[in-house]
Amino acid sequence: MTDRLPIKMLHDRVLVRETREEGERRSSGGILIPSTAQVSKRLVWAEVLAVGSHVRAVETGDRVLFSPDDRFEVEIAGDDYMLLRERDLHAVAAERNDANTGLYL
């Protein structure tokens, strides 16, 4: 991918690329889940590549969590991307804060 995409996002739109973890997964209990297994209503992680002028909560480079049912797919320069509204994002991955105070409230 080039540094600049040939597209300008409008309003509250977010352009993302899904971060696919291909292949088998393991549950927290150690159960092997094949890549062909389908889980209903599973949310998906993606990387933000471009944002519109009215997007406030995410920035380019953030990892976001969204429902695959809320997306629109688009092809730009031969690559596949997804177009979402900011309100369709469920979460933004936070960087780990290692400067803890040690206090628990």
PDB file of N, CA and C in Angstrom:
ATOM      1  N   MET A   1       0.838  -1.170   0.000  1.00  0.00           N
ATOM      2  CA  MET A   1       0.000   0.000   0.000  1.00  0.00           C
ATOM      3  C   MET A   1       0.887   1.238   0.000  1.00  0.00           C
ATOM      4  N   THR A   2       0.476   2.257  -0.729  1.00  0.00           N
ATOM      5  CA  THR A   2       1.223   3.497  -0.749  1.00  0.00           C
ATOM      6  C   THR A   2       0.941   4.295   0.513  1.00  0.00           C
ATOM      7  N   ASP A   3       1.752   5.330   0.755  1.00  0.00           N
ATOM      8  CA  ASP A   3       1.554   6.156   1.943  1.00  0.00           C
ATOM      9  C   ASP A   3       0.254   6.938   1.877  1.00  0.00           C
ATOM     10  N   ARG A   4      -0.145   7.351   0.689  1.00  0.00           N
ATOM     11  CA  ARG A   4      -1.381   8.117   0.536  1.00  0.00           C
ATOM     12  C   ARG A   4      -2.337   7.367  -0.365  1.00  0.00           C
ATOM     13  N   LEU A   5      -3.552   7.212   0.105  1.00  0.00           N
ATOM     14  CA  LEU A   5      -4.587   6.571  -0.693  1.00  0.00           C
ATOM     15  C   LEU A   5      -5.214   7.612  -1.613  1.00  0.00           C
ATOM     16  N   PRO A   6      -5.625   7.219  -2.811  1.00  0.00           N
ATOM     17  CA  PRO A   6      -6.243   8.167  -3.738  1.00  0.00           C
ATOM     18  C   PRO A   6      -7.723   8.388  -3.424  1.00  0.00           C
ATOM     19  N   ILE A   7      -8.014   8.719  -2.169  1.00  0.00           N
ATOM     20  CA  ILE A   7      -9.400   8.904  -1.751  1.00  0.00           C
ATOM     21  C   ILE A   7      -9.427   9.882  -0.583  1.00  0.00           C
ATOM     22  N   LYS A   8     -10.461  10.703  -0.535  1.00  0.00           N
ATOM     23  CA  LYS A   8     -10.657  11.635   0.584  1.00  0.00           C
ATOM     24  C   LYS A   8     -11.951  11.241   1.269  1.00  0.00           C
ATOM     25  N   MET A   9     -11.869  10.950   2.554  1.00  0.00           N
ATOM     26  CA  MET A   9     -13.039  10.524   3.304  1.00  0.00           C
ATOM     27  C   MET A   9     -13.892  11.737   3.657  1.00  0.00           C
ATOM     28  N   LEU A  10     -15.205  11.556   3.659  1.00  0.00           N
ATOM     29  CA  LEU A  10     -16.132  12.628   3.963  1.00  0.00           C
ATOM     30  C   LEU A  10     -16.854  12.368   5.278  1.00  0.00           C
ATOM     31  N   HIS A  11     -17.239  13.439   5.936  1.00  0.00           N
ATOM     32  CA  HIS A  11     -18.109  13.443   7.112  1.00  0.00           C
ATOM     33  C   HIS A  11     -17.630  12.483   8.195  1.00  0.00           C
ATOM     34  N   ASP A  12     -18.479  11.525   8.588  1.00  0.00           N
ATOM     35  CA  ASP A  12     -18.156  10.625   9.709  1.00  0.00           C
ATOM     36  C   ASP A  12     -17.706   9.257   9.231  1.00  0.00           C
ATOM     37  N   ARG A  13     -17.156   9.171   8.040  1.00  0.00           N
ATOM     38  CA  ARG A  13     -16.753   7.884   7.474  1.00  0.00           C
ATOM     39  C   ARG A  13     -15.329   7.521   7.862  1.00  0.00           C
ATOM     40  N   VAL A  14     -15.094   6.209   7.999  1.00  0.00           N
ATOM     41  CA  VAL A  14     -13.784   5.665   8.372  1.00  0.00           C
ATOM     42  C   VAL A  14     -13.444   4.557   7.384  1.00  0.00           C
ATOM     43  N   LEU A  15     -12.264   4.619   6.781  1.00  0.00           N
ATOM     44  CA  LEU A  15     -11.791   3.585   5.867  1.00  0.00           C
ATOM     45  C   LEU A  15     -10.865   2.667   6.637  1.00  0.00           C
ATOM     46  N   VAL A  16     -11.144   1.363   6.624  1.00  0.00           N
ATOM     47  CA  VAL A  16     -10.354   0.400   7.392  1.00  0.00           C
ATOM     48  C   VAL A  16      -9.960  -0.794   6.527  1.00  0.00           C
ATOM     49  N   ARG A  17      -8.946  -1.492   6.999  1.00  0.00           N
ATOM     50  CA  ARG A  17      -8.552  -2.772   6.401  1.00  0.00           C
ATOM     51  C   ARG A  17      -8.574  -3.798   7.516  1.00  0.00           C
ATOM     52  N   GLU A  18      -9.262  -4.897   7.271  1.00  0.00           N
ATOM     53  CA  GLU A  18      -9.397  -5.944   8.281  1.00  0.00           C
ATOM     54  C   GLU A  18      -8.048  -6.585   8.557  1.00  0.00           C
ATOM     55  N   THR A  19      -7.756  -6.788   9.839  1.00  0.00           N
ATOM     56  CA  THR A  19      -6.533  -7.480  10.236  1.00  0.00           C
ATOM     57  C   THR A  19      -6.907  -8.934  10.448  1.00  0.00           C
ATOM     58  N   ARG A  20      -6.669  -9.718   9.453  1.00  0.00           N
ATOM     59  CA  ARG A  20      -7.071 -11.127   9.472  1.00  0.00           C
ATOM     60  C   ARG A  20      -6.036 -11.991  10.144  1.00  0.00           C
ATOM     61  N   GLU A  21      -6.482 -12.740  11.085  1.00  0.00           N
ATOM     62  CA  GLU A  21      -5.647 -13.785  11.663  1.00  0.00           C
ATOM     63  C   GLU A  21      -6.111 -15.083  11.017  1.00  0.00           C
ATOM     64  N   GLU A  22      -5.462 -15.430   9.930  1.00  0.00           N
ATOM     65  CA  GLU A  22      -5.868 -16.597   9.154  1.00  0.00           C
ATOM     66  C   GLU A  22      -5.564 -17.876   9.922  1.00  0.00           C
ATOM     67  N   GLY A  23      -6.317 -18.898   9.605  1.00  0.00           N
ATOM     68  CA  GLY A  23      -6.038 -20.212  10.164  1.00  0.00           C
ATOM     69  C   GLY A  23      -6.784 -20.489  11.452  1.00  0.00           C
ATOM     70  N   GLU A  24      -6.300 -21.474  12.162  1.00  0.00           N
ATOM     71  CA  GLU A  24      -6.957 -21.937  13.378  1.00  0.00           C
ATOM     72  C   GLU A  24      -6.678 -20.992  14.531  1.00  0.00           C
ATOM     73  N   ARG A  25      -7.609 -20.971  15.496  1.00  0.00           N
ATOM     74  CA  ARG A  25      -7.459 -20.170  16.708  1.00  0.00           C
ATOM     75  C   ARG A  25      -7.587 -21.095  17.900  1.00  0.00           C
ATOM     76  N   ARG A  26      -7.112 -20.639  19.041  1.00  0.00           N
ATOM     77  CA  ARG A  26      -7.278 -21.386  20.292  1.00  0.00           C
ATOM     78  C   ARG A  26      -8.093 -20.537  21.243  1.00  0.00           C
ATOM     79  N   SER A  27      -9.050 -21.181  21.904  1.00  0.00           N
ATOM     80  CA  SER A  27      -9.843 -20.484  22.917  1.00  0.00           C
ATOM     81  C   SER A  27      -8.985 -20.298  24.156  1.00  0.00           C
ATOM     82  N   SER A  28      -9.472 -19.499  25.102  1.00  0.00           N
ATOM     83  CA  SER A  28      -8.719 -19.292  26.339  1.00  0.00           C
ATOM     84  C   SER A  28      -8.567 -20.582  27.132  1.00  0.00           C
ATOM     85  N   GLY A  29      -9.470 -21.548  26.903  1.00  0.00           N
ATOM     86  CA  GLY A  29      -9.392 -22.843  27.570  1.00  0.00           C
ATOM     87  C   GLY A  29      -8.516 -23.842  26.836  1.00  0.00           C
ATOM     88  N   GLY A  30      -7.939 -23.436  25.692  1.00  0.00           N
ATOM     89  CA  GLY A  30      -7.040 -24.307  24.941  1.00  0.00           C
ATOM     90  C   GLY A  30      -7.711 -25.135  23.862  1.00  0.00           C
ATOM     91  N   ILE A  31      -8.999 -24.919  23.622  1.00  0.00           N
ATOM     92  CA  ILE A  31      -9.710 -25.684  22.591  1.00  0.00           C
ATOM     93  C   ILE A  31      -9.349 -25.128  21.219  1.00  0.00           C
ATOM     94  N   LEU A  32      -9.016 -26.002  20.287  1.00  0.00           N
ATOM     95  CA  LEU A  32      -8.657 -25.610  18.934  1.00  0.00           C
ATOM     96  C   LEU A  32      -9.924 -25.317  18.140  1.00  0.00           C
ATOM     97  N   ILE A  33     -10.028 -24.112  17.575  1.00  0.00           N
ATOM     98  CA  ILE A  33     -11.187 -23.711  16.772  1.00  0.00           C
ATOM     99  C   ILE A  33     -10.736 -23.619  15.325  1.00  0.00           C
ATOM    100  N   PRO A  34     -11.264 -24.479  14.429  1.00  0.00           N
ATOM    101  CA  PRO A  34     -10.837 -24.454  13.033  1.00  0.00           C
ATOM    102  C   PRO A  34     -11.243 -23.153  12.350  1.00  0.00           C
ATOM    103  N   SER A  35     -10.508 -22.784  11.300  1.00  0.00           N
ATOM    104  CA  SER A  35     -10.785 -21.538  10.586  1.00  0.00           C
ATOM    105  C   SER A  35     -12.140 -21.575   9.884  1.00  0.00           C
ATOM    106  N   THR A  36     -12.688 -22.760   9.671  1.00  0.00           N
ATOM    107  CA  THR A  36     -13.986 -22.873   9.003  1.00  0.00           C
ATOM    108  C   THR A  36     -15.161 -22.709   9.948  1.00  0.00           C
ATOM    109  N   ALA A  37     -14.899 -22.690  11.263  1.00  0.00           N
ATOM    110  CA  ALA A  37     -15.982 -22.543  12.237  1.00  0.00           C
ATOM    111  C   ALA A  37     -16.535 -21.123  12.182  1.00  0.00           C
ATOM    112  N   GLN A  38     -17.857 -21.021  12.179  1.00  0.00           N
ATOM    113  CA  GLN A  38     -18.489 -19.709  12.152  1.00  0.00           C
ATOM    114  C   GLN A  38     -19.119 -19.429  13.502  1.00  0.00           C
ATOM    115  N   VAL A  39     -18.833 -18.248  14.014  1.00  0.00           N
ATOM    116  CA  VAL A  39     -19.388 -17.821  15.287  1.00  0.00           C
ATOM    117  C   VAL A  39     -20.347 -16.675  14.972  1.00  0.00           C
ATOM    118  N   SER A  40     -21.577 -16.780  15.451  1.00  0.00           N
ATOM    119  CA  SER A  40     -22.535 -15.723  15.150  1.00  0.00           C
ATOM    120  C   SER A  40     -22.194 -14.450  15.910  1.00  0.00           C
ATOM    121  N   LYS A  41     -22.417 -13.331  15.278  1.00  0.00           N
ATOM    122  CA  LYS A  41     -22.224 -12.006  15.864  1.00  0.00           C
ATOM    123  C   LYS A  41     -20.824 -11.791  16.427  1.00  0.00           C
ATOM    124  N   ARG A  42     -19.818 -12.286  15.729  1.00  0.00           N
ATOM    125  CA  ARG A  42     -18.430 -12.088  16.156  1.00  0.00           C
ATOM    126  C   ARG A  42     -17.946 -10.740  15.628  1.00  0.00           C
ATOM    127  N   LEU A  43     -17.395  -9.904  16.501  1.00  0.00           N
ATOM    128  CA  LEU A  43     -16.844  -8.621  16.093  1.00  0.00           C
ATOM    129  C   LEU A  43     -15.452  -8.821  15.504  1.00  0.00           C
ATOM    130  N   VAL A  44     -15.022  -7.876  14.675  1.00  0.00           N
ATOM    131  CA  VAL A  44     -13.786  -8.008  13.911  1.00  0.00           C
ATOM    132  C   VAL A  44     -12.890  -6.800  14.170  1.00  0.00           C
ATOM    133  N   TRP A  45     -11.564  -7.023  14.215  1.00  0.00           N
ATOM    134  CA  TRP A  45     -10.588  -5.948  14.344  1.00  0.00           C
ATOM    135  C   TRP A  45     -10.154  -5.471  12.973  1.00  0.00           C
ATOM    136  N   ALA A  46      -9.899  -4.171  12.863  1.00  0.00           N
ATOM    137  CA  ALA A  46      -9.404  -3.599  11.615  1.00  0.00           C
ATOM    138  C   ALA A  46      -8.497  -2.419  11.926  1.00  0.00           C
ATOM    139  N   GLU A  47      -7.652  -2.063  10.960  1.00  0.00           N
ATOM    140  CA  GLU A  47      -6.765  -0.906  11.094  1.00  0.00           C
ATOM    141  C   GLU A  47      -7.364   0.268  10.338  1.00  0.00           C
ATOM    142  N   VAL A  48      -7.380   1.437  10.966  1.00  0.00           N
ATOM    143  CA  VAL A  48      -7.920   2.648  10.344  1.00  0.00           C
ATOM    144  C   VAL A  48      -6.877   3.219   9.389  1.00  0.00           C
ATOM    145  N   LEU A  49      -7.292   3.426   8.126  1.00  0.00           N
ATOM    146  CA  LEU A  49      -6.388   3.955   7.116  1.00  0.00           C
ATOM    147  C   LEU A  49      -6.679   5.404   6.766  1.00  0.00           C
ATOM    148  N   ALA A  50      -7.932   5.835   6.901  1.00  0.00           N
ATOM    149  CA  ALA A  50      -8.308   7.214   6.602  1.00  0.00           C
ATOM    150  C   ALA A  50      -9.588   7.548   7.354  1.00  0.00           C
ATOM    151  N   VAL A  51      -9.751   8.823   7.721  1.00  0.00           N
ATOM    152  CA  VAL A  51     -10.941   9.262   8.449  1.00  0.00           C
ATOM    153  C   VAL A  51     -11.493  10.535   7.817  1.00  0.00           C
ATOM    154  N   GLY A  52     -12.801  10.717   7.959  1.00  0.00           N
ATOM    155  CA  GLY A  52     -13.461  11.918   7.467  1.00  0.00           C
ATOM    156  C   GLY A  52     -13.263  13.085   8.416  1.00  0.00           C
ATOM    157  N   SER A  53     -13.692  14.266   7.979  1.00  0.00           N
ATOM    158  CA  SER A  53     -13.459  15.490   8.746  1.00  0.00           C
ATOM    159  C   SER A  53     -14.267  15.565  10.036  1.00  0.00           C
ATOM    160  N   HIS A  54     -15.368  14.820  10.156  1.00  0.00           N
ATOM    161  CA  HIS A  54     -16.192  14.864  11.360  1.00  0.00           C
ATOM    162  C   HIS A  54     -15.923  13.707  12.322  1.00  0.00           C
ATOM    163  N   VAL A  55     -14.936  12.896  12.051  1.00  0.00           N
ATOM    164  CA  VAL A  55     -14.581  11.782  12.937  1.00  0.00           C
ATOM    165  C   VAL A  55     -13.778  12.342  14.103  1.00  0.00           C
ATOM    166  N   ARG A  56     -14.209  12.015  15.332  1.00  0.00           N
ATOM    167  CA  ARG A  56     -13.575  12.597  16.511  1.00  0.00           C
ATOM    168  C   ARG A  56     -12.842  11.587  17.381  1.00  0.00           C
ATOM    169  N   ALA A  57     -13.278  10.344  17.412  1.00  0.00           N
ATOM    170  CA  ALA A  57     -12.759   9.400  18.399  1.00  0.00           C
ATOM    171  C   ALA A  57     -11.635   8.504  17.893  1.00  0.00           C
ATOM    172  N   VAL A  58     -11.402   8.440  16.595  1.00  0.00           N
ATOM    173  CA  VAL A  58     -10.352   7.565  16.060  1.00  0.00           C
ATOM    174  C   VAL A  58      -9.429   8.361  15.150  1.00  0.00           C
ATOM    175  N   GLU A  59      -8.215   7.826  15.002  1.00  0.00           N
ATOM    176  CA  GLU A  59      -7.215   8.442  14.138  1.00  0.00           C
ATOM    177  C   GLU A  59      -6.646   7.386  13.213  1.00  0.00           C
ATOM    178  N   THR A  60      -5.998   7.826  12.155  1.00  0.00           N
ATOM    179  CA  THR A  60      -5.319   6.920  11.237  1.00  0.00           C
ATOM    180  C   THR A  60      -4.292   6.104  12.011  1.00  0.00           C
ATOM    181  N   GLY A  61      -4.290   4.809  11.797  1.00  0.00           N
ATOM    182  CA  GLY A  61      -3.366   3.910  12.488  1.00  0.00           C
ATOM    183  C   GLY A  61      -3.970   3.195  13.684  1.00  0.00           C
ATOM    184  N   ASP A  62      -5.122   3.650  14.177  1.00  0.00           N
ATOM    185  CA  ASP A  62      -5.785   2.986  15.297  1.00  0.00           C
ATOM    186  C   ASP A  62      -6.321   1.622  14.877  1.00  0.00           C
ATOM    187  N   ARG A  63      -6.468   0.713  15.849  1.00  0.00           N
ATOM    188  CA  ARG A  63      -7.156  -0.559  15.634  1.00  0.00           C
ATOM    189  C   ARG A  63      -8.543  -0.418  16.230  1.00  0.00           C
ATOM    190  N   VAL A  64      -9.563  -0.767  15.437  1.00  0.00           N
ATOM    191  CA  VAL A  64     -10.943  -0.607  15.876  1.00  0.00           C
ATOM    192  C   VAL A  64     -11.688  -1.923  15.786  1.00  0.00           C
ATOM    193  N   LEU A  65     -12.725  -2.044  16.594  1.00  0.00           N
ATOM    194  CA  LEU A  65     -13.564  -3.234  16.655  1.00  0.00           C
ATOM    195  C   LEU A  65     -14.931  -2.876  16.089  1.00  0.00           C
ATOM    196  N   PHE A  66     -15.426  -3.702  15.138  1.00  0.00           N
ATOM    197  CA  PHE A  66     -16.708  -3.431  14.499  1.00  0.00           C
ATOM    198  C   PHE A  66     -17.403  -4.730  14.134  1.00  0.00           C
ATOM    199  N   SER A  67     -18.687  -4.621  13.812  1.00  0.00           N
ATOM    200  CA  SER A  67     -19.467  -5.773  13.366  1.00  0.00           C
ATOM    201  C   SER A  67     -19.342  -5.900  11.855  1.00  0.00           C
ATOM    202  N   PRO A  68     -19.039  -7.078  11.330  1.00  0.00           N
ATOM    203  CA  PRO A  68     -18.932  -7.261   9.885  1.00  0.00           C
ATOM    204  C   PRO A  68     -20.237  -6.959   9.153  1.00  0.00           C
ATOM    205  N   ASP A  69     -21.368  -6.969   9.865  1.00  0.00           N
ATOM    206  CA  ASP A  69     -22.649  -6.686   9.224  1.00  0.00           C
ATOM    207  C   ASP A  69     -22.828  -5.207   8.897  1.00  0.00           C
ATOM    208  N   ASP A  70     -22.044  -4.328   9.529  1.00  0.00           N
ATOM    209  CA  ASP A  70     -22.194  -2.883   9.369  1.00  0.00           C
ATOM    210  C   ASP A  70     -21.271  -2.288   8.311  1.00  0.00           C
ATOM    211  N   ARG A  71     -20.613  -3.090   7.520  1.00  0.00           N
ATOM    212  CA  ARG A  71     -19.588  -2.572   6.617  1.00  0.00           C
ATOM    213  C   ARG A  71     -20.056  -2.504   5.168  1.00  0.00           C
ATOM    214  N   PHE A  72     -19.368  -1.651   4.424  1.00  0.00           N
ATOM    215  CA  PHE A  72     -19.493  -1.587   2.981  1.00  0.00           C
ATOM    216  C   PHE A  72     -18.105  -1.809   2.418  1.00  0.00           C
ATOM    217  N   GLU A  73     -17.983  -2.731   1.471  1.00  0.00           N
ATOM    218  CA  GLU A  73     -16.676  -3.032   0.905  1.00  0.00           C
ATOM    219  C   GLU A  73     -16.432  -2.179  -0.325  1.00  0.00           C
ATOM    220  N   VAL A  74     -15.163  -1.784  -0.509  1.00  0.00           N
ATOM    221  CA  VAL A  74     -14.781  -0.957  -1.645  1.00  0.00           C
ATOM    222  C   VAL A  74     -13.399  -1.405  -2.125  1.00  0.00           C
ATOM    223  N   GLU A  75     -13.178  -1.325  -3.424  1.00  0.00           N
ATOM    224  CA  GLU A  75     -11.881  -1.657  -3.998  1.00  0.00           C
ATOM    225  C   GLU A  75     -11.226  -0.367  -4.455  1.00  0.00           C
ATOM    226  N   ILE A  76      -9.999  -0.142  -3.978  1.00  0.00           N
ATOM    227  CA  ILE A  76      -9.238   1.047  -4.346  1.00  0.00           C
ATOM    228  C   ILE A  76      -7.878   0.588  -4.847  1.00  0.00           C
ATOM    229  N   ALA A  77      -7.567   0.913  -6.094  1.00  0.00           N
ATOM    230  CA  ALA A  77      -6.279   0.562  -6.697  1.00  0.00           C
ATOM    231  C   ALA A  77      -5.983  -0.928  -6.565  1.00  0.00           C
ATOM    232  N   GLY A  78      -7.009  -1.768  -6.705  1.00  0.00           N
ATOM    233  CA  GLY A  78      -6.841  -3.211  -6.677  1.00  0.00           C
ATOM    234  C   GLY A  78      -6.838  -3.843  -5.296  1.00  0.00           C
ATOM    235  N   ASP A  79      -6.917  -3.044  -4.240  1.00  0.00           N
ATOM    236  CA  ASP A  79      -6.948  -3.576  -2.876  1.00  0.00           C
ATOM    237  C   ASP A  79      -8.345  -3.418  -2.290  1.00  0.00           C
ATOM    238  N   ASP A  80      -8.749  -4.360  -1.427  1.00  0.00           N
ATOM    239  CA  ASP A  80     -10.073  -4.319  -0.804  1.00  0.00           C
ATOM    240  C   ASP A  80     -10.013  -3.642   0.554  1.00  0.00           C
ATOM    241  N   TYR A  81     -10.966  -2.740   0.787  1.00  0.00           N
ATOM    242  CA  TYR A  81     -11.080  -2.006   2.034  1.00  0.00           C
ATOM    243  C   TYR A  81     -12.529  -2.043   2.482  1.00  0.00           C
ATOM    244  N   MET A  82     -12.776  -1.544   3.697  1.00  0.00           N
ATOM    245  CA  MET A  82     -14.145  -1.442   4.213  1.00  0.00           C
ATOM    246  C   MET A  82     -14.408  -0.006   4.622  1.00  0.00           C
ATOM    247  N   LEU A  83     -15.619   0.436   4.375  1.00  0.00           N
ATOM    248  CA  LEU A  83     -16.051   1.780   4.702  1.00  0.00           C
ATOM    249  C   LEU A  83     -17.096   1.691   5.801  1.00  0.00           C
ATOM    250  N   LEU A  84     -16.869   2.397   6.908  1.00  0.00           N
ATOM    251  CA  LEU A  84     -17.754   2.359   8.069  1.00  0.00           C
ATOM    252  C   LEU A  84     -18.116   3.775   8.492  1.00  0.00           C
ATOM    253  N   ARG A  85     -19.201   3.898   9.234  1.00  0.00           N
ATOM    254  CA  ARG A  85     -19.505   5.151   9.923  1.00  0.00           C
ATOM    255  C   ARG A  85     -18.826   5.074  11.283  1.00  0.00           C
ATOM    256  N   GLU A  86     -18.452   6.222  11.818  1.00  0.00           N
ATOM    257  CA  GLU A  86     -17.807   6.217  13.129  1.00  0.00           C
ATOM    258  C   GLU A  86     -18.725   5.612  14.190  1.00  0.00           C
ATOM    259  N   ARG A  87     -20.017   5.844  14.085  1.00  0.00           N
ATOM    260  CA  ARG A  87     -20.953   5.316  15.089  1.00  0.00           C
ATOM    261  C   ARG A  87     -21.074   3.794  15.041  1.00  0.00           C
ATOM    262  N   ASP A  88     -20.615   3.157  13.958  1.00  0.00           N
ATOM    263  CA  ASP A  88     -20.655   1.700  13.855  1.00  0.00           C
ATOM    264  C   ASP A  88     -19.450   1.030  14.519  1.00  0.00           C
ATOM    265  N   LEU A  89     -18.489   1.815  14.988  1.00  0.00           N
ATOM    266  CA  LEU A  89     -17.332   1.265  15.681  1.00  0.00           C
ATOM    267  C   LEU A  89     -17.702   0.989  17.127  1.00  0.00           C
ATOM    268  N   HIS A  90     -17.303  -0.163  17.630  1.00  0.00           N
ATOM    269  CA  HIS A  90     -17.630  -0.556  18.998  1.00  0.00           C
ATOM    270  C   HIS A  90     -16.532  -0.190  19.990  1.00  0.00           C
ATOM    271  N   ALA A  91     -15.274  -0.179  19.531  1.00  0.00           N
ATOM    272  CA  ALA A  91     -14.173   0.100  20.445  1.00  0.00           C
ATOM    273  C   ALA A  91     -12.923   0.462  19.663  1.00  0.00           C
ATOM    274  N   VAL A  92     -12.013   1.147  20.341  1.00  0.00           N
ATOM    275  CA  VAL A  92     -10.691   1.460  19.806  1.00  0.00           C
ATOM    276  C   VAL A  92      -9.679   0.807  20.728  1.00  0.00           C
ATOM    277  N   ALA A  93      -8.729   0.088  20.165  1.00  0.00           N
ATOM    278  CA  ALA A  93      -7.708  -0.575  20.983  1.00  0.00           C
ATOM    279  C   ALA A  93      -6.844   0.482  21.661  1.00  0.00           C
ATOM    280  N   ALA A  94      -6.665   0.345  22.960  1.00  0.00           N
ATOM    281  CA  ALA A  94      -5.868   1.288  23.732  1.00  0.00           C
ATOM    282  C   ALA A  94      -4.468   0.733  23.926  1.00  0.00           C
ATOM    283  N   GLU A  95      -3.494   1.632  23.904  1.00  0.00           N
ATOM    284  CA  GLU A  95      -2.139   1.206  24.208  1.00  0.00           C
ATOM    285  C   GLU A  95      -2.055   0.941  25.694  1.00  0.00           C
ATOM    286  N   ARG A  96      -1.232  -0.008  26.055  1.00  0.00           N
ATOM    287  CA  ARG A  96      -1.086  -0.362  27.469  1.00  0.00           C
ATOM    288  C   ARG A  96      -0.351   0.756  28.196  1.00  0.00           C
ATOM    289  N   ASN A  97      -0.903   1.172  29.295  1.00  0.00           N
ATOM    290  CA  ASN A  97      -0.309   2.236  30.099  1.00  0.00           C
ATOM    291  C   ASN A  97       0.557   1.593  31.178  1.00  0.00           C
ATOM    292  N   ASP A  98       1.878   1.639  30.998  1.00  0.00           N
ATOM    293  CA  ASP A  98       2.793   1.017  31.948  1.00  0.00           C
ATOM    294  C   ASP A  98       3.160   1.931  33.111  1.00  0.00           C
ATOM    295  N   ALA A  99       2.712   3.171  33.067  1.00  0.00           N
ATOM    296  CA  ALA A  99       3.020   4.124  34.145  1.00  0.00           C
ATOM    297  C   ALA A  99       1.879   4.114  35.162  1.00  0.00           C
ATOM    298  N   ASN A 100       1.593   2.952  35.731  1.00  0.00           N
ATOM    299  CA  ASN A 100       0.514   2.824  36.720  1.00  0.00           C
ATOM    300  C   ASN A 100       0.907   3.493  38.013  1.00  0.00           C
ATOM    301  N   THR A 101      -0.077   3.952  38.744  1.00  0.00           N
ATOM    302  CA  THR A 101       0.175   4.533  40.052  1.00  0.00           C
ATOM    303  C   THR A 101       0.233   3.475  41.130  1.00  0.00           C
ATOM    304  N   GLY A 102      -0.322   2.300  40.820  1.00  0.00           N
ATOM    305  CA  GLY A 102      -0.349   1.247  41.810  1.00  0.00           C
ATOM    306  C   GLY A 102      -1.553   1.327  42.727  1.00  0.00           C
ATOM    307  N   LEU A 103      -2.381   2.331  42.536  1.00  0.00           N
ATOM    308  CA  LEU A 103      -3.564   2.499  43.373  1.00  0.00           C
ATOM    309  C   LEU A 103      -4.759   1.812  42.739  1.00  0.00           C
ATOM    310  N   TYR A 104      -5.581   1.201  43.542  1.00  0.00           N
ATOM    311  CA  TYR A 104      -6.795   0.551  43.064  1.00  0.00           C
ATOM    312  C   TYR A 104      -7.972   1.194  43.760  1.00  0.00           C
ATOM    313  N   LEU A 105      -8.897   1.695  43.005  1.00  0.00           N
ATOM    314  CA  LEU A 105     -10.049   2.350  43.584  1.00  0.00           C
ATOM    315  C   LEU A 105     -11.234   1.436  43.576  1.00  0.00           C
TER     316      LEU A 105
END
